[in-house]
Amino acid sequence: MSTQLLTLKDVQKRIPAGRTTFTRWIKSGEFPPPTIIGASLFWPEDQIEIYLTSRRSDWTPSKAAEASMTGIN
């Protein structure tokens, strides 16, 4: 089974965050590491879907309220 490779720009359409934020998440192990081809970063689409699904299951209204109160969105 093959999966489409997404660029950082493609990933940012699904997860609105800056390049620096993605770098920090990757280094901390919070976000899947990219496949590097030449000077470009790519993620298999299924890895991004798994990440999003895991984040949705971790979401609770109290965490969302806390994040909005502290300015973390």
PDB file of N, CA and C in Angstrom:
ATOM      1  N   MET A   1       0.848  -1.182   0.000  1.00  0.00           N
ATOM      2  CA  MET A   1       0.000   0.000   0.000  1.00  0.00           C
ATOM      3  C   MET A   1       0.888   1.238   0.000  1.00  0.00           C
ATOM      4  N   SER A   2       0.690   2.099  -0.967  1.00  0.00           N
ATOM      5  CA  SER A   2       1.492   3.317  -1.012  1.00  0.00           C
ATOM      6  C   SER A   2       0.694   4.476  -0.424  1.00  0.00           C
ATOM      7  N   THR A   3       1.422   5.439   0.068  1.00  0.00           N
ATOM      8  CA  THR A   3       0.787   6.605   0.662  1.00  0.00           C
ATOM      9  C   THR A   3       1.393   7.850   0.032  1.00  0.00           C
ATOM     10  N   GLN A   4       0.617   8.881  -0.051  1.00  0.00           N
ATOM     11  CA  GLN A   4       1.088  10.129  -0.634  1.00  0.00           C
ATOM     12  C   GLN A   4       2.035  10.824   0.340  1.00  0.00           C
ATOM     13  N   LEU A   5       3.090  11.434  -0.203  1.00  0.00           N
ATOM     14  CA  LEU A   5       3.999  12.224   0.619  1.00  0.00           C
ATOM     15  C   LEU A   5       3.522  13.666   0.640  1.00  0.00           C
ATOM     16  N   LEU A   6       3.485  14.239   1.822  1.00  0.00           N
ATOM     17  CA  LEU A   6       3.045  15.623   2.000  1.00  0.00           C
ATOM     18  C   LEU A   6       4.243  16.514   2.280  1.00  0.00           C
ATOM     19  N   THR A   7       4.243  17.694   1.693  1.00  0.00           N
ATOM     20  CA  THR A   7       5.271  18.689   1.985  1.00  0.00           C
ATOM     21  C   THR A   7       4.900  19.411   3.275  1.00  0.00           C
ATOM     22  N   LEU A   8       5.826  20.220   3.775  1.00  0.00           N
ATOM     23  CA  LEU A   8       5.523  21.008   4.971  1.00  0.00           C
ATOM     24  C   LEU A   8       4.313  21.902   4.721  1.00  0.00           C
ATOM     25  N   LYS A   9       4.243  22.482   3.544  1.00  0.00           N
ATOM     26  CA  LYS A   9       3.102  23.350   3.207  1.00  0.00           C
ATOM     27  C   LYS A   9       1.785  22.565   3.262  1.00  0.00           C
ATOM     28  N   ASP A  10       1.806  21.329   2.763  1.00  0.00           N
ATOM     29  CA  ASP A  10       0.611  20.473   2.821  1.00  0.00           C
ATOM     30  C   ASP A  10       0.223  20.175   4.270  1.00  0.00           C
ATOM     31  N   VAL A  11       1.237  19.855   5.084  1.00  0.00           N
ATOM     32  CA  VAL A  11       0.985  19.545   6.494  1.00  0.00           C
ATOM     33  C   VAL A  11       0.431  20.778   7.207  1.00  0.00           C
ATOM     34  N   GLN A  12       0.967  21.955   6.880  1.00  0.00           N
ATOM     35  CA  GLN A  12       0.512  23.193   7.520  1.00  0.00           C
ATOM     36  C   GLN A  12      -0.936  23.518   7.179  1.00  0.00           C
ATOM     37  N   LYS A  13      -1.447  23.012   6.072  1.00  0.00           N
ATOM     38  CA  LYS A  13      -2.865  23.205   5.751  1.00  0.00           C
ATOM     39  C   LYS A  13      -3.747  22.419   6.724  1.00  0.00           C
ATOM     40  N   ARG A  14      -3.223  21.320   7.242  1.00  0.00           N
ATOM     41  CA  ARG A  14      -3.974  20.479   8.183  1.00  0.00           C
ATOM     42  C   ARG A  14      -3.684  20.843   9.629  1.00  0.00           C
ATOM     43  N   ILE A  15      -2.457  21.305   9.864  1.00  0.00           N
ATOM     44  CA  ILE A  15      -2.025  21.659  11.221  1.00  0.00           C
ATOM     45  C   ILE A  15      -1.402  23.048  11.139  1.00  0.00           C
ATOM     46  N   PRO A  16      -2.165  24.095  11.391  1.00  0.00           N
ATOM     47  CA  PRO A  16      -1.639  25.452  11.230  1.00  0.00           C
ATOM     48  C   PRO A  16      -0.607  25.801  12.304  1.00  0.00           C
ATOM     49  N   ALA A  17       0.648  25.622  11.948  1.00  0.00           N
ATOM     50  CA  ALA A  17       1.762  25.959  12.837  1.00  0.00           C
ATOM     51  C   ALA A  17       2.941  26.346  11.958  1.00  0.00           C
ATOM     52  N   GLY A  18       3.843  27.111  12.508  1.00  0.00           N
ATOM     53  CA  GLY A  18       5.006  27.569  11.761  1.00  0.00           C
ATOM     54  C   GLY A  18       6.106  26.525  11.673  1.00  0.00           C
ATOM     55  N   ARG A  19       7.047  26.774  10.788  1.00  0.00           N
ATOM     56  CA  ARG A  19       8.179  25.869  10.576  1.00  0.00           C
ATOM     57  C   ARG A  19       8.958  25.640  11.877  1.00  0.00           C
ATOM     58  N   THR A  20       9.183  26.707  12.641  1.00  0.00           N
ATOM     59  CA  THR A  20       9.923  26.591  13.896  1.00  0.00           C
ATOM     60  C   THR A  20       9.183  25.693  14.883  1.00  0.00           C
ATOM     61  N   THR A  21       7.879  25.811  14.928  1.00  0.00           N
ATOM     62  CA  THR A  21       7.076  24.968  15.818  1.00  0.00           C
ATOM     63  C   THR A  21       7.199  23.505  15.424  1.00  0.00           C
ATOM     64  N   PHE A  22       7.118  23.206  14.122  1.00  0.00           N
ATOM     65  CA  PHE A  22       7.278  21.827  13.670  1.00  0.00           C
ATOM     66  C   PHE A  22       8.664  21.300  14.027  1.00  0.00           C
ATOM     67  N   THR A  23       9.688  22.121  13.853  1.00  0.00           N
ATOM     68  CA  THR A  23      11.054  21.712  14.211  1.00  0.00           C
ATOM     69  C   THR A  23      11.134  21.361  15.689  1.00  0.00           C
ATOM     70  N   ARG A  24      10.545  22.192  16.529  1.00  0.00           N
ATOM     71  CA  ARG A  24      10.548  21.940  17.975  1.00  0.00           C
ATOM     72  C   ARG A  24       9.794  20.649  18.300  1.00  0.00           C
ATOM     73  N   TRP A  25       8.628  20.457  17.683  1.00  0.00           N
ATOM     74  CA  TRP A  25       7.840  19.249  17.922  1.00  0.00           C
ATOM     75  C   TRP A  25       8.605  17.993  17.484  1.00  0.00           C
ATOM     76  N   ILE A  26       9.287  18.068  16.345  1.00  0.00           N
ATOM     77  CA  ILE A  26      10.049  16.919  15.842  1.00  0.00           C
ATOM     78  C   ILE A  26      11.187  16.591  16.804  1.00  0.00           C
ATOM     79  N   LYS A  27      11.925  17.617  17.230  1.00  0.00           N
ATOM     80  CA  LYS A  27      13.054  17.400  18.148  1.00  0.00           C
ATOM     81  C   LYS A  27      12.603  16.820  19.477  1.00  0.00           C
ATOM     82  N   SER A  28      11.419  17.213  19.942  1.00  0.00           N
ATOM     83  CA  SER A  28      10.918  16.717  21.234  1.00  0.00           C
ATOM     84  C   SER A  28      10.252  15.345  21.111  1.00  0.00           C
ATOM     85  N   GLY A  29      10.066  14.871  19.875  1.00  0.00           N
ATOM     86  CA  GLY A  29       9.412  13.585  19.661  1.00  0.00           C
ATOM     87  C   GLY A  29       7.899  13.668  19.645  1.00  0.00           C
ATOM     88  N   GLU A  30       7.371  14.886  19.698  1.00  0.00           N
ATOM     89  CA  GLU A  30       5.918  15.079  19.706  1.00  0.00           C
ATOM     90  C   GLU A  30       5.299  14.906  18.321  1.00  0.00           C
ATOM     91  N   PHE A  31       6.108  15.087  17.270  1.00  0.00           N
ATOM     92  CA  PHE A  31       5.619  15.029  15.898  1.00  0.00           C
ATOM     93  C   PHE A  31       6.484  14.049  15.115  1.00  0.00           C
ATOM     94  N   PRO A  32       5.900  13.302  14.169  1.00  0.00           N
ATOM     95  CA  PRO A  32       6.688  12.321  13.419  1.00  0.00           C
ATOM     96  C   PRO A  32       7.821  12.986  12.629  1.00  0.00           C
ATOM     97  N   PRO A  33       8.976  12.357  12.592  1.00  0.00           N
ATOM     98  CA  PRO A  33      10.089  12.927  11.831  1.00  0.00           C
ATOM     99  C   PRO A  33       9.814  12.851  10.333  1.00  0.00           C
ATOM    100  N   PRO A  34      10.324  13.818   9.583  1.00  0.00           N
ATOM    101  CA  PRO A  34      10.097  13.821   8.140  1.00  0.00           C
ATOM    102  C   PRO A  34      11.061  12.887   7.419  1.00  0.00           C
ATOM    103  N   THR A  35      10.720  12.579   6.182  1.00  0.00           N
ATOM    104  CA  THR A  35      11.643  11.951   5.253  1.00  0.00           C
ATOM    105  C   THR A  35      12.273  13.101   4.489  1.00  0.00           C
ATOM    106  N   ILE A  36      13.588  13.121   4.421  1.00  0.00           N
ATOM    107  CA  ILE A  36      14.278  14.213   3.737  1.00  0.00           C
ATOM    108  C   ILE A  36      14.705  13.719   2.361  1.00  0.00           C
ATOM    109  N   ILE A  37      14.264  14.428   1.344  1.00  0.00           N
ATOM    110  CA  ILE A  37      14.645  14.131  -0.034  1.00  0.00           C
ATOM    111  C   ILE A  37      15.237  15.413  -0.597  1.00  0.00           C
ATOM    112  N   GLY A  38      16.542  15.384  -0.859  1.00  0.00           N
ATOM    113  CA  GLY A  38      17.234  16.602  -1.264  1.00  0.00           C
ATOM    114  C   GLY A  38      17.215  17.569  -0.101  1.00  0.00           C
ATOM    115  N   ALA A  39      16.691  18.754  -0.335  1.00  0.00           N
ATOM    116  CA  ALA A  39      16.582  19.753   0.729  1.00  0.00           C
ATOM    117  C   ALA A  39      15.143  19.895   1.222  1.00  0.00           C
ATOM    118  N   SER A  40      14.280  18.980   0.800  1.00  0.00           N
ATOM    119  CA  SER A  40      12.857  19.085   1.135  1.00  0.00           C
ATOM    120  C   SER A  40      12.451  18.058   2.182  1.00  0.00           C
ATOM    121  N   LEU A  41      11.451  18.439   2.975  1.00  0.00           N
ATOM    122  CA  LEU A  41      10.901  17.571   4.013  1.00  0.00           C
ATOM    123  C   LEU A  41       9.562  17.021   3.543  1.00  0.00           C
ATOM    124  N   PHE A  42       9.354  15.726   3.790  1.00  0.00           N
ATOM    125  CA  PHE A  42       8.102  15.078   3.409  1.00  0.00           C
ATOM    126  C   PHE A  42       7.626  14.175   4.536  1.00  0.00           C
ATOM    127  N   TRP A  43       6.312  14.060   4.664  1.00  0.00           N
ATOM    128  CA  TRP A  43       5.699  13.155   5.628  1.00  0.00           C
ATOM    129  C   TRP A  43       4.704  12.270   4.890  1.00  0.00           C
ATOM    130  N   PRO A  44       4.703  10.974   5.167  1.00  0.00           N
ATOM    131  CA  PRO A  44       3.650  10.126   4.611  1.00  0.00           C
ATOM    132  C   PRO A  44       2.292  10.586   5.160  1.00  0.00           C
ATOM    133  N   GLU A  45       1.324  10.693   4.289  1.00  0.00           N
ATOM    134  CA  GLU A  45       0.004  11.186   4.683  1.00  0.00           C
ATOM    135  C   GLU A  45      -0.595  10.360   5.821  1.00  0.00           C
ATOM    136  N   ASP A  46      -0.364   9.050   5.801  1.00  0.00           N
ATOM    137  CA  ASP A  46      -0.939   8.220   6.865  1.00  0.00           C
ATOM    138  C   ASP A  46      -0.340   8.551   8.230  1.00  0.00           C
ATOM    139  N   GLN A  47       0.939   8.954   8.294  1.00  0.00           N
ATOM    140  CA  GLN A  47       1.534   9.354   9.575  1.00  0.00           C
ATOM    141  C   GLN A  47       0.871  10.617  10.119  1.00  0.00           C
ATOM    142  N   ILE A  48       0.549  11.541   9.234  1.00  0.00           N
ATOM    143  CA  ILE A  48      -0.109  12.780   9.665  1.00  0.00           C
ATOM    144  C   ILE A  48      -1.520  12.470  10.154  1.00  0.00           C
ATOM    145  N   GLU A  49      -2.219  11.578   9.460  1.00  0.00           N
ATOM    146  CA  GLU A  49      -3.566  11.192   9.894  1.00  0.00           C
ATOM    147  C   GLU A  49      -3.523  10.516  11.265  1.00  0.00           C
ATOM    148  N   ILE A  50      -2.533   9.650  11.480  1.00  0.00           N
ATOM    149  CA  ILE A  50      -2.378   8.993  12.787  1.00  0.00           C
ATOM    150  C   ILE A  50      -2.113  10.038  13.862  1.00  0.00           C
ATOM    151  N   TYR A  51      -1.238  10.996  13.563  1.00  0.00           N
ATOM    152  CA  TYR A  51      -0.928  12.066  14.517  1.00  0.00           C
ATOM    153  C   TYR A  51      -2.194  12.849  14.861  1.00  0.00           C
ATOM    154  N   LEU A  52      -2.946  13.247  13.841  1.00  0.00           N
ATOM    155  CA  LEU A  52      -4.167  14.027  14.076  1.00  0.00           C
ATOM    156  C   LEU A  52      -5.184  13.229  14.892  1.00  0.00           C
ATOM    157  N   THR A  53      -5.331  11.959  14.589  1.00  0.00           N
ATOM    158  CA  THR A  53      -6.260  11.108  15.332  1.00  0.00           C
ATOM    159  C   THR A  53      -5.845  11.006  16.795  1.00  0.00           C
ATOM    160  N   SER A  54      -4.548  10.840  17.037  1.00  0.00           N
ATOM    161  CA  SER A  54      -4.077  10.736  18.423  1.00  0.00           C
ATOM    162  C   SER A  54      -4.274  12.048  19.170  1.00  0.00           C
ATOM    163  N   ARG A  55      -4.109  13.168  18.486  1.00  0.00           N
ATOM    164  CA  ARG A  55      -4.307  14.474  19.115  1.00  0.00           C
ATOM    165  C   ARG A  55      -5.783  14.696  19.420  1.00  0.00           C
ATOM    166  N   ARG A  56      -6.665  14.241  18.546  1.00  0.00           N
ATOM    167  CA  ARG A  56      -8.104  14.394  18.787  1.00  0.00           C
ATOM    168  C   ARG A  56      -8.535  13.584  20.000  1.00  0.00           C
ATOM    169  N   SER A  57      -7.970  12.386  20.147  1.00  0.00           N
ATOM    170  CA  SER A  57      -8.363  11.550  21.281  1.00  0.00           C
ATOM    171  C   SER A  57      -7.802  12.098  22.590  1.00  0.00           C
ATOM    172  N   ASP A  58      -6.745  12.919  22.502  1.00  0.00           N
ATOM    173  CA  ASP A  58      -6.134  13.527  23.685  1.00  0.00           C
ATOM    174  C   ASP A  58      -6.849  14.825  24.079  1.00  0.00           C
ATOM    175  N   TRP A  59      -7.663  15.367  23.172  1.00  0.00           N
ATOM    176  CA  TRP A  59      -8.314  16.656  23.382  1.00  0.00           C
ATOM    177  C   TRP A  59      -9.464  16.519  24.366  1.00  0.00           C
ATOM    178  N   THR A  60      -9.530  17.451  25.285  1.00  0.00           N
ATOM    179  CA  THR A  60     -10.679  17.536  26.183  1.00  0.00           C
ATOM    180  C   THR A  60     -11.086  19.001  26.274  1.00  0.00           C
ATOM    181  N   PRO A  61     -12.355  19.284  26.567  1.00  0.00           N
ATOM    182  CA  PRO A  61     -12.774  20.679  26.680  1.00  0.00           C
ATOM    183  C   PRO A  61     -11.961  21.456  27.711  1.00  0.00           C
ATOM    184  N   SER A  62     -11.582  20.821  28.808  1.00  0.00           N
ATOM    185  CA  SER A  62     -10.823  21.547  29.832  1.00  0.00           C
ATOM    186  C   SER A  62      -9.442  21.932  29.319  1.00  0.00           C
ATOM    187  N   LYS A  63      -8.807  21.065  28.510  1.00  0.00           N
ATOM    188  CA  LYS A  63      -7.504  21.405  27.939  1.00  0.00           C
ATOM    189  C   LYS A  63      -7.649  22.554  26.946  1.00  0.00           C
ATOM    190  N   ALA A  64      -8.727  22.544  26.166  1.00  0.00           N
ATOM    191  CA  ALA A  64      -8.947  23.611  25.196  1.00  0.00           C
ATOM    192  C   ALA A  64      -9.182  24.936  25.906  1.00  0.00           C
ATOM    193  N   ALA A  65      -9.969  24.921  26.965  1.00  0.00           N
ATOM    194  CA  ALA A  65     -10.233  26.146  27.721  1.00  0.00           C
ATOM    195  C   ALA A  65      -8.959  26.662  28.368  1.00  0.00           C
ATOM    196  N   GLU A  66      -8.170  25.761  28.929  1.00  0.00           N
ATOM    197  CA  GLU A  66      -6.908  26.153  29.557  1.00  0.00           C
ATOM    198  C   GLU A  66      -5.961  26.766  28.528  1.00  0.00           C
ATOM    199  N   ALA A  67      -5.896  26.168  27.348  1.00  0.00           N
ATOM    200  CA  ALA A  67      -5.024  26.685  26.299  1.00  0.00           C
ATOM    201  C   ALA A  67      -5.460  28.073  25.856  1.00  0.00           C
ATOM    202  N   SER A  68      -6.771  28.291  25.719  1.00  0.00           N
ATOM    203  CA  SER A  68      -7.234  29.602  25.279  1.00  0.00           C
ATOM    204  C   SER A  68      -7.010  30.660  26.351  1.00  0.00           C
ATOM    205  N   MET A  69      -7.073  30.272  27.606  1.00  0.00           N
ATOM    206  CA  MET A  69      -6.857  31.227  28.692  1.00  0.00           C
ATOM    207  C   MET A  69      -5.390  31.621  28.816  1.00  0.00           C
ATOM    208  N   THR A  70      -4.496  30.708  28.434  1.00  0.00           N
ATOM    209  CA  THR A  70      -3.067  31.004  28.528  1.00  0.00           C
ATOM    210  C   THR A  70      -2.506  31.499  27.206  1.00  0.00           C
ATOM    211  N   GLY A  71      -3.355  31.558  26.192  1.00  0.00           N
ATOM    212  CA  GLY A  71      -2.909  32.036  24.888  1.00  0.00           C
ATOM    213  C   GLY A  71      -2.216  30.969  24.064  1.00  0.00           C
ATOM    214  N   ILE A  72      -2.334  29.704  24.454  1.00  0.00           N
ATOM    215  CA  ILE A  72      -1.731  28.607  23.709  1.00  0.00           C
ATOM    216  C   ILE A  72      -2.808  27.993  22.837  1.00  0.00           C
ATOM    217  N   ASN A  73      -2.741  28.247  21.545  1.00  0.00           N
ATOM    218  CA  ASN A  73      -3.735  27.691  20.621  1.00  0.00           C
ATOM    219  C   ASN A  73      -3.052  26.943  19.535  1.00  0.00           C
TER     220      ASN A  73
END
